[in-house]
Structure formats: structure tokens, C-alpha cells
Amino acid sequence: MSSIQTPIRKNDNVVVVTGKDRGKRGRVLKLVPGKNRLIVEGANFVKRHTRPNPGQNVKGGVVEREAPLHASNVQLICPDCGAATRIGRRLLEDGRKVRICRKCDGVVDR
């Protein structure tokens, strides 16, 4: 099973465009490339029941944490115009390939 490479990277600011957390903004904490998913800070919380483990200093109980979202359910927030946007690619004069905003044509990569 091959996965599609997402143009969203770690530490990008994104907005959730569909699902129970629609409209929430957050930073990408982690990518799961094999499943085309990512974990967004402050979105898609799930309750996890954990067993106590004194060896690893883990308390038991119900823990809330972020679960992975599919990459198609989020859009990148452009740092220039501040809008949720699709992402394009462009080759600059110095030979770098950068991501660009489809709305304002600004460079997303710094």
C-alpha cells in the first residue's frame, strides 16, 4: 500500500476543515506518513484508559490526548495572508523548490 505524500509538514499551522473539530486551529505535532495522517495540537481529543505502571511512573485512569487526523481534513494556514489555503509548489531562481499559497501567491517556506 503506497501513501500519498502530503504537502503539510511538522510545526505547520493548520485549520481542521471537516469533522467534529471543524474550525479549530493548531500546530502539527507529528506526521504518520504510512497512513497519511497527522496529529494536530488541540484537536481530535480521545479518552484513553491506561493501566498504572509504577516502573515507568505512569498513573492509571482516563487520559485525554490527541489522536491522528487524516491529512485531507486539514488545510494549511498561510503565514502571509492568514487564510486556510491549498498548497502549490514553485521552483525559485536559486534552485530551491518551495511551497506557495494558492490565494496570495506568497511563499510558505521560510
C-alpha atoms as a PDB file:
ATOM      1  CA  MET A   1       0.000   0.000   0.000  1.00  0.00           C
ATOM      2  CA  SER A   2       1.558   3.279  -1.094  1.00  0.00           C
ATOM      3  CA  SER A   3       0.798   6.559   0.592  1.00  0.00           C
ATOM      4  CA  ILE A   4       0.421   9.956  -0.984  1.00  0.00           C
ATOM      5  CA  GLN A   5       2.967  12.495   0.197  1.00  0.00           C
ATOM      6  CA  THR A   6       1.205  15.363   1.935  1.00  0.00           C
ATOM      7  CA  PRO A   7       2.485  18.918   1.495  1.00  0.00           C
ATOM      8  CA  ILE A   8       1.903  19.606   5.193  1.00  0.00           C
ATOM      9  CA  ARG A   9       4.943  19.346   7.463  1.00  0.00           C
ATOM     10  CA  LYS A  10       5.663  19.230  11.171  1.00  0.00           C
ATOM     11  CA  ASN A  11       5.190  22.575  13.017  1.00  0.00           C
ATOM     12  CA  ASP A  12       2.913  23.971  10.275  1.00  0.00           C
ATOM     13  CA  ASN A  13      -0.174  25.874  11.440  1.00  0.00           C
ATOM     14  CA  VAL A  14      -3.321  24.227  10.106  1.00  0.00           C
ATOM     15  CA  VAL A  15      -7.091  24.511  10.427  1.00  0.00           C
ATOM     16  CA  VAL A  16      -9.430  21.500  10.603  1.00  0.00           C
ATOM     17  CA  VAL A  17     -11.935  21.830   7.740  1.00  0.00           C
ATOM     18  CA  THR A  18     -14.238  18.893   8.448  1.00  0.00           C
ATOM     19  CA  GLY A  19     -15.320  16.626  11.282  1.00  0.00           C
ATOM     20  CA  LYS A  20     -16.201  17.184  14.910  1.00  0.00           C
ATOM     21  CA  ASP A  21     -13.375  19.708  15.404  1.00  0.00           C
ATOM     22  CA  ARG A  22     -14.141  21.812  12.307  1.00  0.00           C
ATOM     23  CA  GLY A  23     -12.718  25.327  12.605  1.00  0.00           C
ATOM     24  CA  LYS A  24     -10.081  24.542  15.224  1.00  0.00           C
ATOM     25  CA  ARG A  25      -6.579  25.796  14.526  1.00  0.00           C
ATOM     26  CA  GLY A  26      -3.405  24.210  15.792  1.00  0.00           C
ATOM     27  CA  ARG A  27       0.159  23.223  15.115  1.00  0.00           C
ATOM     28  CA  VAL A  28       1.112  19.876  13.565  1.00  0.00           C
ATOM     29  CA  LEU A  29       2.822  17.852  16.291  1.00  0.00           C
ATOM     30  CA  LYS A  30       3.542  14.623  14.432  1.00  0.00           C
ATOM     31  CA  LEU A  31       3.127  13.043  10.994  1.00  0.00           C
ATOM     32  CA  VAL A  32       2.152   9.416  10.370  1.00  0.00           C
ATOM     33  CA  PRO A  33       3.286   9.097   6.743  1.00  0.00           C
ATOM     34  CA  GLY A  34       2.348   5.456   6.209  1.00  0.00           C
ATOM     35  CA  LYS A  35      -1.322   6.217   6.829  1.00  0.00           C
ATOM     36  CA  ASN A  36      -1.348   9.826   5.516  1.00  0.00           C
ATOM     37  CA  ARG A  37      -2.380  11.117   8.945  1.00  0.00           C
ATOM     38  CA  LEU A  38      -1.161  13.817  11.310  1.00  0.00           C
ATOM     39  CA  ILE A  39      -1.649  14.896  14.920  1.00  0.00           C
ATOM     40  CA  VAL A  40      -2.850  18.478  15.434  1.00  0.00           C
ATOM     41  CA  GLU A  41      -2.324  20.252  18.749  1.00  0.00           C
ATOM     42  CA  GLY A  42      -5.682  20.839  20.483  1.00  0.00           C
ATOM     43  CA  ALA A  43      -7.827  18.891  18.005  1.00  0.00           C
ATOM     44  CA  ASN A  44      -9.412  15.408  17.898  1.00  0.00           C
ATOM     45  CA  PHE A  45      -9.139  14.546  21.581  1.00  0.00           C
ATOM     46  CA  VAL A  46      -9.908  10.936  22.580  1.00  0.00           C
ATOM     47  CA  LYS A  47     -10.147   9.338  26.002  1.00  0.00           C
ATOM     48  CA  ARG A  48      -7.627   6.594  26.639  1.00  0.00           C
ATOM     49  CA  HIS A  49      -7.931   4.211  29.592  1.00  0.00           C
ATOM     50  CA  THR A  50      -4.467   3.455  30.949  1.00  0.00           C
ATOM     51  CA  ARG A  51      -3.311   0.894  33.455  1.00  0.00           C
ATOM     52  CA  PRO A  52      -0.912   2.060  36.173  1.00  0.00           C
ATOM     53  CA  ASN A  53       2.738   1.181  35.601  1.00  0.00           C
ATOM     54  CA  PRO A  54       4.932   2.130  38.569  1.00  0.00           C
ATOM     55  CA  GLY A  55       8.094   1.134  36.704  1.00  0.00           C
ATOM     56  CA  GLN A  56       7.560   3.886  34.120  1.00  0.00           C
ATOM     57  CA  ASN A  57       5.919   6.251  36.646  1.00  0.00           C
ATOM     58  CA  VAL A  58       2.552   6.133  34.789  1.00  0.00           C
ATOM     59  CA  LYS A  59      -0.600   6.734  36.796  1.00  0.00           C
ATOM     60  CA  GLY A  60      -3.703   4.804  35.867  1.00  0.00           C
ATOM     61  CA  GLY A  61      -7.015   6.307  34.849  1.00  0.00           C
ATOM     62  CA  VAL A  62      -8.637   8.029  31.918  1.00  0.00           C
ATOM     63  CA  VAL A  63      -6.233  10.208  29.917  1.00  0.00           C
ATOM     64  CA  GLU A  64      -7.229  12.629  27.148  1.00  0.00           C
ATOM     65  CA  ARG A  65      -4.836  13.019  24.250  1.00  0.00           C
ATOM     66  CA  GLU A  66      -4.801  13.988  20.582  1.00  0.00           C
ATOM     67  CA  ALA A  67      -5.496  11.279  18.024  1.00  0.00           C
ATOM     68  CA  PRO A  68      -4.359  11.358  14.378  1.00  0.00           C
ATOM     69  CA  LEU A  69      -6.495  13.111  11.737  1.00  0.00           C
ATOM     70  CA  HIS A  70      -6.436  12.320   8.046  1.00  0.00           C
ATOM     71  CA  ALA A  71      -4.344  14.846   6.111  1.00  0.00           C
ATOM     72  CA  SER A  72      -7.245  15.617   3.760  1.00  0.00           C
ATOM     73  CA  ASN A  73      -9.256  17.008   6.698  1.00  0.00           C
ATOM     74  CA  VAL A  74      -6.885  19.918   7.355  1.00  0.00           C
ATOM     75  CA  GLN A  75      -5.670  22.915   5.371  1.00  0.00           C
ATOM     76  CA  LEU A  76      -2.507  24.914   5.827  1.00  0.00           C
ATOM     77  CA  ILE A  77      -2.786  28.464   7.172  1.00  0.00           C
ATOM     78  CA  CYS A  78      -0.731  30.856   5.052  1.00  0.00           C
ATOM     79  CA  PRO A  79       1.672  32.900   7.207  1.00  0.00           C
ATOM     80  CA  ASP A  80       1.293  35.929   4.884  1.00  0.00           C
ATOM     81  CA  CYS A  81      -2.472  36.250   4.345  1.00  0.00           C
ATOM     82  CA  GLY A  82      -3.640  34.166   7.340  1.00  0.00           C
ATOM     83  CA  ALA A  83      -6.201  32.222   5.311  1.00  0.00           C
ATOM     84  CA  ALA A  84      -6.679  28.467   5.035  1.00  0.00           C
ATOM     85  CA  THR A  85      -5.327  27.563   1.629  1.00  0.00           C
ATOM     86  CA  ARG A  86      -4.336  24.833  -0.718  1.00  0.00           C
ATOM     87  CA  ILE A  87      -0.626  24.469  -1.397  1.00  0.00           C
ATOM     88  CA  GLY A  88       1.264  24.764  -4.654  1.00  0.00           C
ATOM     89  CA  ARG A  89       4.914  24.287  -5.492  1.00  0.00           C
ATOM     90  CA  ARG A  90       7.304  26.575  -7.312  1.00  0.00           C
ATOM     91  CA  LEU A  91      10.948  26.458  -8.301  1.00  0.00           C
ATOM     92  CA  LEU A  92      12.787  29.657  -7.326  1.00  0.00           C
ATOM     93  CA  GLU A  93      15.638  31.266  -9.272  1.00  0.00           C
ATOM     94  CA  ASP A  94      18.205  29.935  -6.799  1.00  0.00           C
ATOM     95  CA  GLY A  95      17.041  26.358  -7.451  1.00  0.00           C
ATOM     96  CA  ARG A  96      15.006  25.830  -4.270  1.00  0.00           C
ATOM     97  CA  LYS A  97      11.616  24.135  -4.504  1.00  0.00           C
ATOM     98  CA  VAL A  98       9.208  25.933  -2.129  1.00  0.00           C
ATOM     99  CA  ARG A  99       5.551  25.646  -1.148  1.00  0.00           C
ATOM    100  CA  ILE A 100       3.345  28.578  -2.147  1.00  0.00           C
ATOM    101  CA  CYS A 101      -0.082  29.808  -1.070  1.00  0.00           C
ATOM    102  CA  ARG A 102      -2.750  29.423  -3.765  1.00  0.00           C
ATOM    103  CA  LYS A 103      -4.632  32.525  -2.554  1.00  0.00           C
ATOM    104  CA  CYS A 104      -1.928  35.210  -2.200  1.00  0.00           C
ATOM    105  CA  ASP A 105       0.926  33.512  -4.123  1.00  0.00           C
ATOM    106  CA  GLY A 106       3.185  34.010  -1.084  1.00  0.00           C
ATOM    107  CA  VAL A 107       5.982  31.631  -0.155  1.00  0.00           C
ATOM    108  CA  VAL A 108       5.044  29.385   2.787  1.00  0.00           C
ATOM    109  CA  ASP A 109       8.563  28.062   3.430  1.00  0.00           C
ATOM    110  CA  ARG A 110      10.941  30.455   5.151  1.00  0.00           C
END
